[in-house]
Structure formats: C-alpha cells, structure tokens
Amino acid sequence: MKARIAAALTLALVLVLASPPSPAAVLPPGEEAPAPAEDVLFLKSGGEIRGRIAGEDGEAYAVKVGGALRVVDRDDVAEVRRGAPAP
C-alpha cells in the first residue's frame, strides 16, 4: 500500500510540475478567464471529492484539492466526471 501511494504521489508531482500554466496566466489584457472546471470523484460511500486529477494508475487517483494532494483507491470510486463545472 505504501509503495502504491508513493508511486501515485511521484506521478502526480511530475504531472503537476510539467503542466503548462493556467489559461488565466497567459490571457491577453482585457480578456476574462473561462469559467472554472474541476474533476469530481463520486465515492461508493456516497461522498465526493472535487479537485483536479493530477495523476492516476490502475490502482489509484491522485487528486489535487486546494493545495493538498489526495490519493484515492480506484476501488472506492463509483464514478469520475472530468471537467465538471465548479459550483
């Protein structure tokens, strides 16, 4: 389990560091950024996790929520919606 978490966190860190700047950072002056979107993981327990999926493998998702990175087992996830409008 610890090895899976370490691998997921390493993958997520690489993806976050290699990702391009947000569109708002490169918009010309006077233009507005598009409405924010996020990924939503619906859990089998009835809860949900809203954030941005930073990485995934066959066993887990690494989700950036605010400034934190959460690792969620795929077995605990009922559904994934990518790019859902932020509330």
PDB file of N, CA and C in Angstrom:
ATOM      1  N   MET A   1       0.824  -1.190   0.000  1.00  0.00           N
ATOM      2  CA  MET A   1       0.000   0.000   0.000  1.00  0.00           C
ATOM      3  C   MET A   1       0.868   1.253   0.000  1.00  0.00           C
ATOM      4  N   LYS A   2       1.923   1.290   0.839  1.00  0.00           N
ATOM      5  CA  LYS A   2       2.790   2.462   0.898  1.00  0.00           C
ATOM      6  C   LYS A   2       3.495   2.684  -0.435  1.00  0.00           C
ATOM      7  N   ALA A   3       3.878   1.598  -1.098  1.00  0.00           N
ATOM      8  CA  ALA A   3       4.540   1.730  -2.397  1.00  0.00           C
ATOM      9  C   ALA A   3       3.584   2.306  -3.432  1.00  0.00           C
ATOM     10  N   ARG A   4       2.302   1.906  -3.383  1.00  0.00           N
ATOM     11  CA  ARG A   4       1.300   2.448  -4.313  1.00  0.00           C
ATOM     12  C   ARG A   4       1.107   3.932  -4.095  1.00  0.00           C
ATOM     13  N   ILE A   5       1.027   4.327  -2.832  1.00  0.00           N
ATOM     14  CA  ILE A   5       0.833   5.741  -2.516  1.00  0.00           C
ATOM     15  C   ILE A   5       2.047   6.543  -2.964  1.00  0.00           C
ATOM     16  N   ALA A   6       3.239   6.032  -2.696  1.00  0.00           N
ATOM     17  CA  ALA A   6       4.454   6.735  -3.104  1.00  0.00           C
ATOM     18  C   ALA A   6       4.521   6.871  -4.619  1.00  0.00           C
ATOM     19  N   ALA A   7       4.159   5.813  -5.340  1.00  0.00           N
ATOM     20  CA  ALA A   7       4.179   5.869  -6.803  1.00  0.00           C
ATOM     21  C   ALA A   7       3.150   6.861  -7.326  1.00  0.00           C
ATOM     22  N   ALA A   8       1.962   6.870  -6.741  1.00  0.00           N
ATOM     23  CA  ALA A   8       0.919   7.802  -7.178  1.00  0.00           C
ATOM     24  C   ALA A   8       1.323   9.241  -6.894  1.00  0.00           C
ATOM     25  N   LEU A   9       1.912   9.487  -5.728  1.00  0.00           N
ATOM     26  CA  LEU A   9       2.348  10.841  -5.390  1.00  0.00           C
ATOM     27  C   LEU A   9       3.487  11.301  -6.290  1.00  0.00           C
ATOM     28  N   THR A  10       4.413  10.414  -6.606  1.00  0.00           N
ATOM     29  CA  THR A  10       5.503  10.758  -7.511  1.00  0.00           C
ATOM     30  C   THR A  10       4.966  11.101  -8.885  1.00  0.00           C
ATOM     31  N   LEU A  11       4.049  10.286  -9.406  1.00  0.00           N
ATOM     32  CA  LEU A  11       3.439  10.554 -10.705  1.00  0.00           C
ATOM     33  C   LEU A  11       2.707  11.888 -10.687  1.00  0.00           C
ATOM     34  N   ALA A  12       1.955  12.145  -9.641  1.00  0.00           N
ATOM     35  CA  ALA A  12       1.200  13.395  -9.543  1.00  0.00           C
ATOM     36  C   ALA A  12       2.135  14.596  -9.494  1.00  0.00           C
ATOM     37  N   LEU A  13       3.219  14.494  -8.750  1.00  0.00           N
ATOM     38  CA  LEU A  13       4.168  15.596  -8.652  1.00  0.00           C
ATOM     39  C   LEU A  13       4.800  15.890 -10.005  1.00  0.00           C
ATOM     40  N   VAL A  14       5.182  14.858 -10.725  1.00  0.00           N
ATOM     41  CA  VAL A  14       5.760  15.049 -12.060  1.00  0.00           C
ATOM     42  C   VAL A  14       4.752  15.713 -12.985  1.00  0.00           C
ATOM     43  N   LEU A  15       3.506  15.267 -12.959  1.00  0.00           N
ATOM     44  CA  LEU A  15       2.487  15.850 -13.830  1.00  0.00           C
ATOM     45  C   LEU A  15       2.184  17.294 -13.470  1.00  0.00           C
ATOM     46  N   VAL A  16       2.148  17.607 -12.184  1.00  0.00           N
ATOM     47  CA  VAL A  16       1.870  18.983 -11.760  1.00  0.00           C
ATOM     48  C   VAL A  16       3.018  19.900 -12.164  1.00  0.00           C
ATOM     49  N   LEU A  17       4.246  19.460 -11.961  1.00  0.00           N
ATOM     50  CA  LEU A  17       5.392  20.297 -12.305  1.00  0.00           C
ATOM     51  C   LEU A  17       5.551  20.468 -13.809  1.00  0.00           C
ATOM     52  N   ALA A  18       5.130  19.477 -14.583  1.00  0.00           N
ATOM     53  CA  ALA A  18       5.282  19.537 -16.033  1.00  0.00           C
ATOM     54  C   ALA A  18       4.094  20.183 -16.734  1.00  0.00           C
ATOM     55  N   SER A  19       3.031  20.468 -15.999  1.00  0.00           N
ATOM     56  CA  SER A  19       1.835  21.021 -16.637  1.00  0.00           C
ATOM     57  C   SER A  19       2.058  22.483 -17.014  1.00  0.00           C
ATOM     58  N   PRO A  20       1.434  22.930 -18.107  1.00  0.00           N
ATOM     59  CA  PRO A  20       1.584  24.319 -18.541  1.00  0.00           C
ATOM     60  C   PRO A  20       0.873  25.259 -17.574  1.00  0.00           C
ATOM     61  N   PRO A  21       1.182  26.551 -17.653  1.00  0.00           N
ATOM     62  CA  PRO A  21       0.498  27.497 -16.770  1.00  0.00           C
ATOM     63  C   PRO A  21      -0.990  27.529 -17.060  1.00  0.00           C
ATOM     64  N   SER A  22      -1.747  27.979 -16.088  1.00  0.00           N
ATOM     65  CA  SER A  22      -3.194  28.050 -16.277  1.00  0.00           C
ATOM     66  C   SER A  22      -3.521  29.052 -17.372  1.00  0.00           C
ATOM     67  N   PRO A  23      -4.662  28.867 -18.074  1.00  0.00           N
ATOM     68  CA  PRO A  23      -5.032  29.794 -19.146  1.00  0.00           C
ATOM     69  C   PRO A  23      -5.122  31.238 -18.669  1.00  0.00           C
ATOM     70  N   ALA A  24      -5.506  31.460 -17.421  1.00  0.00           N
ATOM     71  CA  ALA A  24      -5.620  32.823 -16.906  1.00  0.00           C
ATOM     72  C   ALA A  24      -4.262  33.519 -16.880  1.00  0.00           C
ATOM     73  N   ALA A  25      -3.184  32.744 -16.763  1.00  0.00           N
ATOM     74  CA  ALA A  25      -1.851  33.333 -16.692  1.00  0.00           C
ATOM     75  C   ALA A  25      -1.364  33.825 -18.046  1.00  0.00           C
ATOM     76  N   VAL A  26      -1.957  33.383 -19.141  1.00  0.00           N
ATOM     77  CA  VAL A  26      -1.480  33.762 -20.471  1.00  0.00           C
ATOM     78  C   VAL A  26      -2.536  34.488 -21.301  1.00  0.00           C
ATOM     79  N   LEU A  27      -3.612  34.930 -20.686  1.00  0.00           N
ATOM     80  CA  LEU A  27      -4.655  35.650 -21.414  1.00  0.00           C
ATOM     81  C   LEU A  27      -4.197  37.063 -21.738  1.00  0.00           C
ATOM     82  N   PRO A  28      -4.565  37.564 -22.910  1.00  0.00           N
ATOM     83  CA  PRO A  28      -4.260  38.959 -23.228  1.00  0.00           C
ATOM     84  C   PRO A  28      -5.016  39.887 -22.275  1.00  0.00           C
ATOM     85  N   PRO A  29      -4.499  41.083 -22.046  1.00  0.00           N
ATOM     86  CA  PRO A  29      -5.191  42.026 -21.158  1.00  0.00           C
ATOM     87  C   PRO A  29      -6.609  42.300 -21.639  1.00  0.00           C
ATOM     88  N   GLY A  30      -7.526  42.378 -20.702  1.00  0.00           N
ATOM     89  CA  GLY A  30      -8.914  42.678 -21.026  1.00  0.00           C
ATOM     90  C   GLY A  30      -9.781  41.464 -21.273  1.00  0.00           C
ATOM     91  N   GLU A  31      -9.192  40.290 -21.441  1.00  0.00           N
ATOM     92  CA  GLU A  31      -9.986  39.072 -21.659  1.00  0.00           C
ATOM     93  C   GLU A  31     -10.193  38.352 -20.334  1.00  0.00           C
ATOM     94  N   GLU A  32     -11.375  37.776 -20.185  1.00  0.00           N
ATOM     95  CA  GLU A  32     -11.689  37.044 -18.963  1.00  0.00           C
ATOM     96  C   GLU A  32     -11.337  35.572 -19.113  1.00  0.00           C
ATOM     97  N   ALA A  33     -10.968  34.973 -18.008  1.00  0.00           N
ATOM     98  CA  ALA A  33     -10.680  33.538 -17.996  1.00  0.00           C
ATOM     99  C   ALA A  33     -11.987  32.765 -18.128  1.00  0.00           C
ATOM    100  N   PRO A  34     -11.948  31.569 -18.723  1.00  0.00           N
ATOM    101  CA  PRO A  34     -13.164  30.753 -18.798  1.00  0.00           C
ATOM    102  C   PRO A  34     -13.622  30.346 -17.401  1.00  0.00           C
ATOM    103  N   ALA A  35     -14.879  29.972 -17.307  1.00  0.00           N
ATOM    104  CA  ALA A  35     -15.422  29.530 -16.019  1.00  0.00           C
ATOM    105  C   ALA A  35     -14.607  28.345 -15.508  1.00  0.00           C
ATOM    106  N   PRO A  36     -14.345  28.301 -14.206  1.00  0.00           N
ATOM    107  CA  PRO A  36     -13.543  27.207 -13.670  1.00  0.00           C
ATOM    108  C   PRO A  36     -14.252  25.862 -13.810  1.00  0.00           C
ATOM    109  N   ALA A  37     -13.464  24.844 -14.010  1.00  0.00           N
ATOM    110  CA  ALA A  37     -13.990  23.482 -14.084  1.00  0.00           C
ATOM    111  C   ALA A  37     -13.129  22.617 -13.171  1.00  0.00           C
ATOM    112  N   GLU A  38     -13.673  21.524 -12.743  1.00  0.00           N
ATOM    113  CA  GLU A  38     -12.945  20.624 -11.863  1.00  0.00           C
ATOM    114  C   GLU A  38     -13.353  19.189 -12.156  1.00  0.00           C
ATOM    115  N   ASP A  39     -12.577  18.269 -11.634  1.00  0.00           N
ATOM    116  CA  ASP A  39     -12.917  16.858 -11.742  1.00  0.00           C
ATOM    117  C   ASP A  39     -13.645  16.459 -10.460  1.00  0.00           C
ATOM    118  N   VAL A  40     -14.598  15.553 -10.592  1.00  0.00           N
ATOM    119  CA  VAL A  40     -15.354  15.096  -9.419  1.00  0.00           C
ATOM    120  C   VAL A  40     -15.271  13.578  -9.349  1.00  0.00           C
ATOM    121  N   LEU A  41     -14.835  13.070  -8.208  1.00  0.00           N
ATOM    122  CA  LEU A  41     -14.838  11.636  -7.944  1.00  0.00           C
ATOM    123  C   LEU A  41     -16.004  11.351  -7.009  1.00  0.00           C
ATOM    124  N   PHE A  42     -16.966  10.560  -7.473  1.00  0.00           N
ATOM    125  CA  PHE A  42     -18.092  10.150  -6.645  1.00  0.00           C
ATOM    126  C   PHE A  42     -17.708   8.830  -5.986  1.00  0.00           C
ATOM    127  N   LEU A  43     -17.728   8.819  -4.681  1.00  0.00           N
ATOM    128  CA  LEU A  43     -17.294   7.651  -3.928  1.00  0.00           C
ATOM    129  C   LEU A  43     -18.441   6.681  -3.696  1.00  0.00           C
ATOM    130  N   LYS A  44     -18.111   5.411  -3.563  1.00  0.00           N
ATOM    131  CA  LYS A  44     -19.116   4.380  -3.289  1.00  0.00           C
ATOM    132  C   LYS A  44     -19.786   4.610  -1.937  1.00  0.00           C
ATOM    133  N   SER A  45     -19.110   5.309  -1.047  1.00  0.00           N
ATOM    134  CA  SER A  45     -19.669   5.592   0.280  1.00  0.00           C
ATOM    135  C   SER A  45     -20.710   6.704   0.242  1.00  0.00           C
ATOM    136  N   GLY A  46     -20.859   7.365  -0.930  1.00  0.00           N
ATOM    137  CA  GLY A  46     -21.835   8.441  -1.060  1.00  0.00           C
ATOM    138  C   GLY A  46     -21.209   9.820  -1.075  1.00  0.00           C
ATOM    139  N   GLY A  47     -19.958   9.930  -0.703  1.00  0.00           N
ATOM    140  CA  GLY A  47     -19.274  11.226  -0.706  1.00  0.00           C
ATOM    141  C   GLY A  47     -18.735  11.566  -2.085  1.00  0.00           C
ATOM    142  N   GLU A  48     -18.124  12.729  -2.172  1.00  0.00           N
ATOM    143  CA  GLU A  48     -17.489  13.132  -3.421  1.00  0.00           C
ATOM    144  C   GLU A  48     -16.243  13.940  -3.113  1.00  0.00           C
ATOM    145  N   ILE A  49     -15.302  13.891  -4.042  1.00  0.00           N
ATOM    146  CA  ILE A  49     -14.074  14.665  -3.933  1.00  0.00           C
ATOM    147  C   ILE A  49     -13.991  15.535  -5.176  1.00  0.00           C
ATOM    148  N   ARG A  50     -13.901  16.849  -4.963  1.00  0.00           N
ATOM    149  CA  ARG A  50     -13.817  17.801  -6.070  1.00  0.00           C
ATOM    150  C   ARG A  50     -12.414  18.386  -6.102  1.00  0.00           C
ATOM    151  N   GLY A  51     -11.807  18.372  -7.269  1.00  0.00           N
ATOM    152  CA  GLY A  51     -10.467  18.915  -7.437  1.00  0.00           C
ATOM    153  C   GLY A  51     -10.012  18.672  -8.858  1.00  0.00           C
ATOM    154  N   ARG A  52      -8.716  18.531  -9.048  1.00  0.00           N
ATOM    155  CA  ARG A  52      -8.161  18.267 -10.366  1.00  0.00           C
ATOM    156  C   ARG A  52      -7.355  16.978 -10.280  1.00  0.00           C
ATOM    157  N   ILE A  53      -7.680  16.000 -11.123  1.00  0.00           N
ATOM    158  CA  ILE A  53      -6.930  14.744 -11.138  1.00  0.00           C
ATOM    159  C   ILE A  53      -5.545  15.050 -11.696  1.00  0.00           C
ATOM    160  N   ALA A  54      -4.528  14.873 -10.845  1.00  0.00           N
ATOM    161  CA  ALA A  54      -3.156  15.182 -11.226  1.00  0.00           C
ATOM    162  C   ALA A  54      -2.431  13.955 -11.761  1.00  0.00           C
ATOM    163  N   GLY A  55      -2.934  12.772 -11.455  1.00  0.00           N
ATOM    164  CA  GLY A  55      -2.323  11.544 -11.929  1.00  0.00           C
ATOM    165  C   GLY A  55      -3.200  10.362 -11.566  1.00  0.00           C
ATOM    166  N   GLU A  56      -2.966   9.270 -12.259  1.00  0.00           N
ATOM    167  CA  GLU A  56      -3.719   8.054 -11.966  1.00  0.00           C
ATOM    168  C   GLU A  56      -2.967   6.857 -12.507  1.00  0.00           C
ATOM    169  N   ASP A  57      -3.234   5.725 -11.922  1.00  0.00           N
ATOM    170  CA  ASP A  57      -2.711   4.465 -12.439  1.00  0.00           C
ATOM    171  C   ASP A  57      -3.811   3.427 -12.293  1.00  0.00           C
ATOM    172  N   GLY A  58      -3.494   2.175 -12.435  1.00  0.00           N
ATOM    173  CA  GLY A  58      -4.501   1.131 -12.373  1.00  0.00           C
ATOM    174  C   GLY A  58      -5.111   0.930 -11.000  1.00  0.00           C
ATOM    175  N   GLU A  59      -4.520   1.536  -9.974  1.00  0.00           N
ATOM    176  CA  GLU A  59      -4.973   1.287  -8.611  1.00  0.00           C
ATOM    177  C   GLU A  59      -5.492   2.511  -7.873  1.00  0.00           C
ATOM    178  N   ALA A  60      -5.094   3.723  -8.292  1.00  0.00           N
ATOM    179  CA  ALA A  60      -5.472   4.907  -7.514  1.00  0.00           C
ATOM    180  C   ALA A  60      -5.496   6.163  -8.374  1.00  0.00           C
ATOM    181  N   TYR A  61      -6.180   7.186  -7.847  1.00  0.00           N
ATOM    182  CA  TYR A  61      -6.178   8.530  -8.422  1.00  0.00           C
ATOM    183  C   TYR A  61      -5.411   9.437  -7.467  1.00  0.00           C
ATOM    184  N   ALA A  62      -4.643  10.374  -7.993  1.00  0.00           N
ATOM    185  CA  ALA A  62      -4.037  11.437  -7.200  1.00  0.00           C
ATOM    186  C   ALA A  62      -4.792  12.707  -7.565  1.00  0.00           C
ATOM    187  N   VAL A  63      -5.485  13.292  -6.590  1.00  0.00           N
ATOM    188  CA  VAL A  63      -6.357  14.437  -6.838  1.00  0.00           C
ATOM    189  C   VAL A  63      -5.824  15.652  -6.090  1.00  0.00           C
ATOM    190  N   LYS A  64      -5.611  16.747  -6.818  1.00  0.00           N
ATOM    191  CA  LYS A  64      -5.177  17.994  -6.199  1.00  0.00           C
ATOM    192  C   LYS A  64      -6.421  18.736  -5.728  1.00  0.00           C
ATOM    193  N   VAL A  65      -6.533  18.906  -4.422  1.00  0.00           N
ATOM    194  CA  VAL A  65      -7.677  19.579  -3.806  1.00  0.00           C
ATOM    195  C   VAL A  65      -7.115  20.773  -3.042  1.00  0.00           C
ATOM    196  N   GLY A  66      -7.370  21.976  -3.560  1.00  0.00           N
ATOM    197  CA  GLY A  66      -6.754  23.150  -2.953  1.00  0.00           C
ATOM    198  C   GLY A  66      -5.249  23.030  -3.087  1.00  0.00           C
ATOM    199  N   GLY A  67      -4.530  23.115  -1.997  1.00  0.00           N
ATOM    200  CA  GLY A  67      -3.083  22.959  -2.034  1.00  0.00           C
ATOM    201  C   GLY A  67      -2.624  21.568  -1.660  1.00  0.00           C
ATOM    202  N   ALA A  68      -3.559  20.670  -1.383  1.00  0.00           N
ATOM    203  CA  ALA A  68      -3.214  19.318  -0.938  1.00  0.00           C
ATOM    204  C   ALA A  68      -3.388  18.309  -2.067  1.00  0.00           C
ATOM    205  N   LEU A  69      -2.684  17.207  -1.948  1.00  0.00           N
ATOM    206  CA  LEU A  69      -2.799  16.119  -2.912  1.00  0.00           C
ATOM    207  C   LEU A  69      -3.350  14.908  -2.179  1.00  0.00           C
ATOM    208  N   ARG A  70      -4.492  14.399  -2.631  1.00  0.00           N
ATOM    209  CA  ARG A  70      -5.126  13.234  -2.004  1.00  0.00           C
ATOM    210  C   ARG A  70      -5.000  12.034  -2.930  1.00  0.00           C
ATOM    211  N   VAL A  71      -4.716  10.887  -2.357  1.00  0.00           N
ATOM    212  CA  VAL A  71      -4.657   9.637  -3.116  1.00  0.00           C
ATOM    213  C   VAL A  71      -5.907   8.838  -2.768  1.00  0.00           C
ATOM    214  N   VAL A  72      -6.663   8.452  -3.805  1.00  0.00           N
ATOM    215  CA  VAL A  72      -7.931   7.750  -3.614  1.00  0.00           C
ATOM    216  C   VAL A  72      -7.869   6.422  -4.365  1.00  0.00           C
ATOM    217  N   ASP A  73      -8.104   5.316  -3.661  1.00  0.00           N
ATOM    218  CA  ASP A  73      -8.121   3.998  -4.309  1.00  0.00           C
ATOM    219  C   ASP A  73      -9.241   3.928  -5.337  1.00  0.00           C
ATOM    220  N   ARG A  74      -8.958   3.328  -6.485  1.00  0.00           N
ATOM    221  CA  ARG A  74      -9.989   3.153  -7.518  1.00  0.00           C
ATOM    222  C   ARG A  74     -11.154   2.311  -7.003  1.00  0.00           C
ATOM    223  N   ASP A  75     -10.875   1.386  -6.106  1.00  0.00           N
ATOM    224  CA  ASP A  75     -11.930   0.524  -5.565  1.00  0.00           C
ATOM    225  C   ASP A  75     -12.981   1.316  -4.789  1.00  0.00           C
ATOM    226  N   ASP A  76     -12.612   2.513  -4.315  1.00  0.00           N
ATOM    227  CA  ASP A  76     -13.533   3.344  -3.536  1.00  0.00           C
ATOM    228  C   ASP A  76     -14.342   4.302  -4.405  1.00  0.00           C
ATOM    229  N   VAL A  77     -14.057   4.341  -5.715  1.00  0.00           N
ATOM    230  CA  VAL A  77     -14.685   5.319  -6.608  1.00  0.00           C
ATOM    231  C   VAL A  77     -15.790   4.661  -7.434  1.00  0.00           C
ATOM    232  N   ALA A  78     -16.985   5.265  -7.404  1.00  0.00           N
ATOM    233  CA  ALA A  78     -18.118   4.763  -8.188  1.00  0.00           C
ATOM    234  C   ALA A  78     -18.146   5.388  -9.575  1.00  0.00           C
ATOM    235  N   GLU A  79     -17.791   6.681  -9.669  1.00  0.00           N
ATOM    236  CA  GLU A  79     -17.879   7.398 -10.950  1.00  0.00           C
ATOM    237  C   GLU A  79     -16.892   8.559 -10.948  1.00  0.00           C
ATOM    238  N   VAL A  80     -16.378   8.893 -12.141  1.00  0.00           N
ATOM    239  CA  VAL A  80     -15.486  10.040 -12.308  1.00  0.00           C
ATOM    240  C   VAL A  80     -16.075  10.947 -13.377  1.00  0.00           C
ATOM    241  N   ARG A  81     -16.197  12.227 -13.059  1.00  0.00           N
ATOM    242  CA  ARG A  81     -16.616  13.226 -14.052  1.00  0.00           C
ATOM    243  C   ARG A  81     -15.482  14.225 -14.203  1.00  0.00           C
ATOM    244  N   ARG A  82     -14.943  14.287 -15.399  1.00  0.00           N
ATOM    245  CA  ARG A  82     -13.826  15.191 -15.661  1.00  0.00           C
ATOM    246  C   ARG A  82     -14.338  16.498 -16.262  1.00  0.00           C
ATOM    247  N   GLY A  83     -13.782  17.592 -15.779  1.00  0.00           N
ATOM    248  CA  GLY A  83     -14.136  18.892 -16.324  1.00  0.00           C
ATOM    249  C   GLY A  83     -15.530  19.360 -15.983  1.00  0.00           C
ATOM    250  N   ALA A  84     -16.069  18.922 -14.855  1.00  0.00           N
ATOM    251  CA  ALA A  84     -17.408  19.355 -14.439  1.00  0.00           C
ATOM    252  C   ALA A  84     -17.357  20.827 -14.039  1.00  0.00           C
ATOM    253  N   PRO A  85     -18.418  21.586 -14.296  1.00  0.00           N
ATOM    254  CA  PRO A  85     -18.436  22.991 -13.877  1.00  0.00           C
ATOM    255  C   PRO A  85     -18.299  23.105 -12.359  1.00  0.00           C
ATOM    256  N   ALA A  86     -17.498  24.057 -11.927  1.00  0.00           N
ATOM    257  CA  ALA A  86     -17.334  24.279 -10.488  1.00  0.00           C
ATOM    258  C   ALA A  86     -18.601  24.914  -9.931  1.00  0.00           C
ATOM    259  N   PRO A  87     -18.973  24.549  -8.705  1.00  0.00           N
ATOM    260  CA  PRO A  87     -20.205  25.116  -8.130  1.00  0.00           C
ATOM    261  C   PRO A  87     -20.039  26.585  -7.775  1.00  0.00           C
TER     262      PRO A  87
END
